[in-house]
C-alpha atoms as a PDB file:
ATOM      1  CA  UNK A   1      14.343 -38.931 -55.236  1.00  0.00           C
ATOM      2  CA  UNK A   2      15.265 -35.273 -55.522  1.00  0.00           C
ATOM      3  CA  UNK A   3      15.294 -32.050 -53.771  1.00  0.00           C
ATOM      4  CA  UNK A   4      12.713 -29.855 -55.441  1.00  0.00           C
ATOM      5  CA  UNK A   5      11.872 -26.327 -54.921  1.00  0.00           C
ATOM      6  CA  UNK A   6       8.551 -25.914 -56.565  1.00  0.00           C
ATOM      7  CA  UNK A   7       7.232 -22.358 -56.699  1.00  0.00           C
ATOM      8  CA  UNK A   8       4.032 -23.591 -58.502  1.00  0.00           C
ATOM      9  CA  UNK A   9       1.105 -21.321 -58.713  1.00  0.00           C
ATOM     10  CA  UNK A  10      -2.170 -22.940 -57.728  1.00  0.00           C
ATOM     11  CA  UNK A  11      -3.505 -22.096 -61.251  1.00  0.00           C
ATOM     12  CA  UNK A  12      -1.576 -21.068 -64.462  1.00  0.00           C
ATOM     13  CA  UNK A  13       1.125 -18.537 -63.943  1.00  0.00           C
ATOM     14  CA  UNK A  14      -0.352 -15.077 -63.993  1.00  0.00           C
ATOM     15  CA  UNK A  15       1.970 -13.662 -66.754  1.00  0.00           C
ATOM     16  CA  UNK A  16       3.020 -14.722 -70.275  1.00  0.00           C
ATOM     17  CA  UNK A  17       6.015 -17.020 -69.938  1.00  0.00           C
ATOM     18  CA  UNK A  18       7.202 -16.100 -73.436  1.00  0.00           C
ATOM     19  CA  UNK A  19       9.939 -13.496 -73.341  1.00  0.00           C
ATOM     20  CA  UNK A  20      10.603 -14.413 -69.589  1.00  0.00           C
ATOM     21  CA  UNK A  21      11.485 -18.038 -69.815  1.00  0.00           C
ATOM     22  CA  UNK A  22      15.216 -17.393 -70.362  1.00  0.00           C
ATOM     23  CA  UNK A  23      15.370 -15.243 -67.388  1.00  0.00           C
ATOM     24  CA  UNK A  24      13.331 -17.657 -65.273  1.00  0.00           C
ATOM     25  CA  UNK A  25      15.508 -20.515 -66.441  1.00  0.00           C
ATOM     26  CA  UNK A  26      18.673 -18.688 -65.490  1.00  0.00           C
ATOM     27  CA  UNK A  27      17.287 -17.761 -62.050  1.00  0.00           C
ATOM     28  CA  UNK A  28      16.398 -21.494 -61.472  1.00  0.00           C
ATOM     29  CA  UNK A  29      19.813 -22.641 -62.701  1.00  0.00           C
ATOM     30  CA  UNK A  30      21.589 -20.250 -60.295  1.00  0.00           C
ATOM     31  CA  UNK A  31      19.381 -21.680 -57.496  1.00  0.00           C
ATOM     32  CA  UNK A  32      20.483 -25.090 -58.577  1.00  0.00           C
ATOM     33  CA  UNK A  33      24.065 -24.102 -58.190  1.00  0.00           C
ATOM     34  CA  UNK A  34      23.420 -22.931 -54.573  1.00  0.00           C
ATOM     35  CA  UNK A  35      21.811 -26.342 -53.891  1.00  0.00           C
ATOM     36  CA  UNK A  36      24.786 -28.161 -55.313  1.00  0.00           C
ATOM     37  CA  UNK A  37      27.291 -25.982 -53.345  1.00  0.00           C
ATOM     38  CA  UNK A  38      25.261 -26.665 -50.073  1.00  0.00           C
ATOM     39  CA  UNK A  39      25.066 -30.391 -50.708  1.00  0.00           C
ATOM     40  CA  UNK A  40      28.660 -30.654 -51.423  1.00  0.00           C
ATOM     41  CA  UNK A  41      29.424 -29.506 -47.865  1.00  0.00           C
ATOM     42  CA  UNK A  42      27.960 -32.803 -46.661  1.00  0.00           C
ATOM     43  CA  UNK A  43      30.717 -34.863 -48.382  1.00  0.00           C
ATOM     44  CA  UNK A  44      33.625 -32.341 -47.941  1.00  0.00           C
ATOM     45  CA  UNK A  45      35.666 -34.661 -45.611  1.00  0.00           C
ATOM     46  CA  UNK A  46      34.641 -37.966 -47.133  1.00  0.00           C
ATOM     47  CA  UNK A  47      37.431 -40.324 -48.154  1.00  0.00           C
ATOM     48  CA  UNK A  48      36.785 -42.593 -51.154  1.00  0.00           C
ATOM     49  CA  UNK A  49      34.072 -41.983 -53.656  1.00  0.00           C
ATOM     50  CA  UNK A  50      31.828 -38.966 -53.373  1.00  0.00           C
ATOM     51  CA  UNK A  51      28.583 -38.315 -55.119  1.00  0.00           C
ATOM     52  CA  UNK A  52      28.307 -35.716 -57.886  1.00  0.00           C
ATOM     53  CA  UNK A  53      25.283 -33.601 -57.695  1.00  0.00           C
ATOM     54  CA  UNK A  54      23.251 -32.464 -60.665  1.00  0.00           C
ATOM     55  CA  UNK A  55      20.447 -29.933 -60.988  1.00  0.00           C
ATOM     56  CA  UNK A  56      17.541 -30.019 -63.498  1.00  0.00           C
ATOM     57  CA  UNK A  57      15.273 -27.022 -64.188  1.00  0.00           C
ATOM     58  CA  UNK A  58      11.859 -26.936 -65.745  1.00  0.00           C
ATOM     59  CA  UNK A  59      10.250 -23.886 -67.050  1.00  0.00           C
ATOM     60  CA  UNK A  60       6.732 -24.281 -68.493  1.00  0.00           C
ATOM     61  CA  UNK A  61       3.394 -22.323 -68.268  1.00  0.00           C
ATOM     62  CA  UNK A  62       2.200 -24.436 -65.331  1.00  0.00           C
ATOM     63  CA  UNK A  63       5.535 -25.578 -63.638  1.00  0.00           C
ATOM     64  CA  UNK A  64       8.660 -23.922 -62.525  1.00  0.00           C
ATOM     65  CA  UNK A  65      11.123 -26.019 -60.468  1.00  0.00           C
ATOM     66  CA  UNK A  66      14.695 -26.818 -59.817  1.00  0.00           C
ATOM     67  CA  UNK A  67      15.470 -30.282 -58.745  1.00  0.00           C
ATOM     68  CA  UNK A  68      18.934 -31.303 -57.202  1.00  0.00           C
ATOM     69  CA  UNK A  69      20.086 -34.824 -56.324  1.00  0.00           C
ATOM     70  CA  UNK A  70      23.143 -36.949 -56.459  1.00  0.00           C
ATOM     71  CA  UNK A  71      23.969 -38.450 -59.870  1.00  0.00           C
ATOM     72  CA  UNK A  72      23.159 -42.065 -60.069  1.00  0.00           C
ATOM     73  CA  UNK A  73      19.552 -41.605 -59.097  1.00  0.00           C
ATOM     74  CA  UNK A  74      17.352 -43.417 -56.603  1.00  0.00           C
ATOM     75  CA  UNK A  75      17.318 -46.044 -55.267  1.00  0.00           C
ATOM     76  CA  UNK A  76      20.925 -46.304 -54.380  1.00  0.00           C
ATOM     77  CA  UNK A  77      22.864 -49.193 -55.680  1.00  0.00           C
ATOM     78  CA  UNK A  78      26.257 -50.772 -54.935  1.00  0.00           C
ATOM     79  CA  UNK A  79      28.945 -48.896 -53.048  1.00  0.00           C
ATOM     80  CA  UNK A  80      28.952 -45.680 -54.988  1.00  0.00           C
ATOM     81  CA  UNK A  81      29.291 -42.380 -53.402  1.00  0.00           C
ATOM     82  CA  UNK A  82      25.591 -41.589 -54.259  1.00  0.00           C
ATOM     83  CA  UNK A  83      24.491 -44.794 -52.515  1.00  0.00           C
ATOM     84  CA  UNK A  84      26.459 -43.882 -49.409  1.00  0.00           C
ATOM     85  CA  UNK A  85      24.848 -40.379 -49.519  1.00  0.00           C
ATOM     86  CA  UNK A  86      21.391 -41.686 -49.810  1.00  0.00           C
ATOM     87  CA  UNK A  87      21.924 -44.210 -46.900  1.00  0.00           C
ATOM     88  CA  UNK A  88      23.077 -41.248 -44.631  1.00  0.00           C
ATOM     89  CA  UNK A  89      20.266 -38.919 -45.942  1.00  0.00           C
ATOM     90  CA  UNK A  90      17.418 -41.376 -45.272  1.00  0.00           C
ATOM     91  CA  UNK A  91      18.900 -43.385 -42.429  1.00  0.00           C
ATOM     92  CA  UNK A  92      18.537 -47.072 -41.878  1.00  0.00           C
ATOM     93  CA  UNK A  93      16.711 -49.242 -39.294  1.00  0.00           C
ATOM     94  CA  UNK A  94      19.538 -51.557 -38.443  1.00  0.00           C
ATOM     95  CA  UNK A  95      23.286 -51.576 -39.172  1.00  0.00           C
ATOM     96  CA  UNK A  96      25.337 -54.594 -39.885  1.00  0.00           C
ATOM     97  CA  UNK A  97      28.582 -53.150 -38.821  1.00  0.00           C
ATOM     98  CA  UNK A  98      30.537 -53.070 -35.400  1.00  0.00           C
ATOM     99  CA  UNK A  99      32.412 -49.830 -34.790  1.00  0.00           C
ATOM    100  CA  UNK A 100      35.241 -49.193 -32.460  1.00  0.00           C
ATOM    101  CA  UNK A 101      34.536 -47.636 -29.060  1.00  0.00           C
ATOM    102  CA  UNK A 102      36.013 -44.209 -30.161  1.00  0.00           C
ATOM    103  CA  UNK A 103      33.747 -44.013 -33.233  1.00  0.00           C
ATOM    104  CA  UNK A 104      32.533 -40.566 -34.077  1.00  0.00           C
ATOM    105  CA  UNK A 105      30.637 -39.883 -37.409  1.00  0.00           C
ATOM    106  CA  UNK A 106      31.790 -37.228 -39.847  1.00  0.00           C
ATOM    107  CA  UNK A 107      28.317 -36.024 -40.420  1.00  0.00           C
ATOM    108  CA  UNK A 108      25.469 -35.076 -37.991  1.00  0.00           C
ATOM    109  CA  UNK A 109      21.693 -35.061 -38.391  1.00  0.00           C
ATOM    110  CA  UNK A 110      20.259 -31.685 -39.608  1.00  0.00           C
ATOM    111  CA  UNK A 111      23.828 -30.210 -40.243  1.00  0.00           C
ATOM    112  CA  UNK A 112      25.011 -29.654 -43.748  1.00  0.00           C
ATOM    113  CA  UNK A 113      28.832 -29.550 -42.843  1.00  0.00           C
ATOM    114  CA  UNK A 114      30.855 -32.685 -42.399  1.00  0.00           C
ATOM    115  CA  UNK A 115      33.424 -32.670 -39.529  1.00  0.00           C
ATOM    116  CA  UNK A 116      36.384 -34.714 -38.588  1.00  0.00           C
ATOM    117  CA  UNK A 117      35.429 -38.236 -37.674  1.00  0.00           C
ATOM    118  CA  UNK A 118      37.276 -40.850 -35.761  1.00  0.00           C
ATOM    119  CA  UNK A 119      37.254 -44.540 -35.129  1.00  0.00           C
ATOM    120  CA  UNK A 120      37.123 -47.488 -37.449  1.00  0.00           C
ATOM    121  CA  UNK A 121      34.929 -50.282 -38.559  1.00  0.00           C
ATOM    122  CA  UNK A 122      35.768 -53.459 -36.697  1.00  0.00           C
ATOM    123  CA  UNK A 123      33.387 -55.909 -38.505  1.00  0.00           C
ATOM    124  CA  UNK A 124      31.264 -55.163 -41.458  1.00  0.00           C
ATOM    125  CA  UNK A 125      28.526 -57.222 -43.167  1.00  0.00           C
ATOM    126  CA  UNK A 126      25.655 -59.419 -42.068  1.00  0.00           C
ATOM    127  CA  UNK A 127      27.429 -62.561 -42.797  1.00  0.00           C
ATOM    128  CA  UNK A 128      30.600 -61.612 -40.898  1.00  0.00           C
ATOM    129  CA  UNK A 129      28.477 -60.526 -37.769  1.00  0.00           C
ATOM    130  CA  UNK A 130      26.226 -63.511 -37.869  1.00  0.00           C
ATOM    131  CA  UNK A 131      29.249 -65.854 -38.075  1.00  0.00           C
ATOM    132  CA  UNK A 132      30.425 -64.326 -34.774  1.00  0.00           C
ATOM    133  CA  UNK A 133      26.867 -64.308 -33.192  1.00  0.00           C
ATOM    134  CA  UNK A 134      26.808 -60.582 -33.102  1.00  0.00           C
ATOM    135  CA  UNK A 135      23.356 -59.003 -33.395  1.00  0.00           C
ATOM    136  CA  UNK A 136      22.622 -56.148 -35.725  1.00  0.00           C
ATOM    137  CA  UNK A 137      23.264 -52.616 -34.182  1.00  0.00           C
ATOM    138  CA  UNK A 138      20.904 -49.658 -34.148  1.00  0.00           C
ATOM    139  CA  UNK A 139      20.595 -48.047 -37.544  1.00  0.00           C
ATOM    140  CA  UNK A 140      22.038 -44.812 -39.037  1.00  0.00           C
ATOM    141  CA  UNK A 141      20.220 -41.645 -37.945  1.00  0.00           C
ATOM    142  CA  UNK A 142      18.809 -39.833 -40.955  1.00  0.00           C
ATOM    143  CA  UNK A 143      20.687 -36.767 -41.757  1.00  0.00           C
ATOM    144  CA  UNK A 144      17.889 -34.923 -43.519  1.00  0.00           C
ATOM    145  CA  UNK A 145      20.250 -32.774 -45.545  1.00  0.00           C
ATOM    146  CA  UNK A 146      17.555 -32.072 -48.174  1.00  0.00           C
ATOM    147  CA  UNK A 147      15.054 -30.759 -45.651  1.00  0.00           C
ATOM    148  CA  UNK A 148      17.839 -28.423 -44.204  1.00  0.00           C
ATOM    149  CA  UNK A 149      18.620 -26.948 -47.726  1.00  0.00           C
ATOM    150  CA  UNK A 150      15.047 -26.335 -48.159  1.00  0.00           C
ATOM    151  CA  UNK A 151      14.703 -24.664 -44.730  1.00  0.00           C
ATOM    152  CA  UNK A 152      17.765 -22.429 -45.464  1.00  0.00           C
ATOM    153  CA  UNK A 153      16.856 -21.554 -49.016  1.00  0.00           C
ATOM    154  CA  UNK A 154      13.113 -21.499 -49.476  1.00  0.00           C
ATOM    155  CA  UNK A 155      12.368 -17.985 -48.211  1.00  0.00           C
ATOM    156  CA  UNK A 156      15.269 -16.505 -50.246  1.00  0.00           C
ATOM    157  CA  UNK A 157      14.207 -18.470 -53.336  1.00  0.00           C
ATOM    158  CA  UNK A 158      10.517 -17.589 -53.173  1.00  0.00           C
ATOM    159  CA  UNK A 159      11.387 -13.888 -52.447  1.00  0.00           C
ATOM    160  CA  UNK A 160      13.788 -13.722 -55.331  1.00  0.00           C
ATOM    161  CA  UNK A 161      11.310 -15.088 -57.830  1.00  0.00           C
ATOM    162  CA  UNK A 162       8.695 -12.700 -56.596  1.00  0.00           C
ATOM    163  CA  UNK A 163      11.027  -9.622 -56.735  1.00  0.00           C
ATOM    164  CA  UNK A 164      12.430 -10.402 -60.073  1.00  0.00           C
ATOM    165  CA  UNK A 165       9.253 -11.529 -61.825  1.00  0.00           C
ATOM    166  CA  UNK A 166       6.708  -9.585 -59.774  1.00  0.00           C
ATOM    167  CA  UNK A 167       4.725 -12.747 -59.072  1.00  0.00           C
ATOM    168  CA  UNK A 168       1.678 -12.460 -56.770  1.00  0.00           C
ATOM    169  CA  UNK A 169       2.499 -14.007 -53.345  1.00  0.00           C
ATOM    170  CA  UNK A 170      -1.163 -15.083 -52.925  1.00  0.00           C
ATOM    171  CA  UNK A 171      -0.882 -17.525 -55.725  1.00  0.00           C
ATOM    172  CA  UNK A 172       2.022 -19.459 -54.471  1.00  0.00           C
ATOM    173  CA  UNK A 173       2.129 -22.647 -52.611  1.00  0.00           C
ATOM    174  CA  UNK A 174       5.024 -23.316 -50.378  1.00  0.00           C
ATOM    175  CA  UNK A 175       8.060 -25.168 -52.011  1.00  0.00           C
ATOM    176  CA  UNK A 176       7.460 -28.915 -51.919  1.00  0.00           C
ATOM    177  CA  UNK A 177      10.221 -30.700 -50.091  1.00  0.00           C
ATOM    178  CA  UNK A 178      11.027 -34.296 -50.694  1.00  0.00           C
ATOM    179  CA  UNK A 179       9.750 -36.431 -53.478  1.00  0.00           C
ATOM    180  CA  UNK A 180      10.712 -39.778 -54.868  1.00  0.00           C
END
């Protein structure tokens, strides 16, 4: 699953891509750097492993896009920083952990920045909680960071491509947001 800005024309691009592909690629790579910078804000105060973000750009006669996601891909596996990031990004239905009464998350839904958290995990794991007859807790709220980056960057990204490459706004579909 990746964050994709896809300024794809409904038909073929209305100009010859030859001679412009280098400039287009550079523009898309710069946009990818913005995405990485913004997504790093989500893990700024994390302790332990953090995900590394990577961007991929595609420039062809029918597709232009930049895709940014944590390294390690999707679906998340293990206890890596990327897995933790995806669980927070998408949320969970239930949580097999009991938190202290002063628990406060470092991240919030719809906010890119991470803040100082507080509290600690008292009991973690399905087995440990079942052994003590403690039911699963409500899940983690989805943070929706990718949607927030798209909201913040889509207009600037679309405008920049139109300005720099004089692309007709009528031929463009809005950037596609979240794809697996």
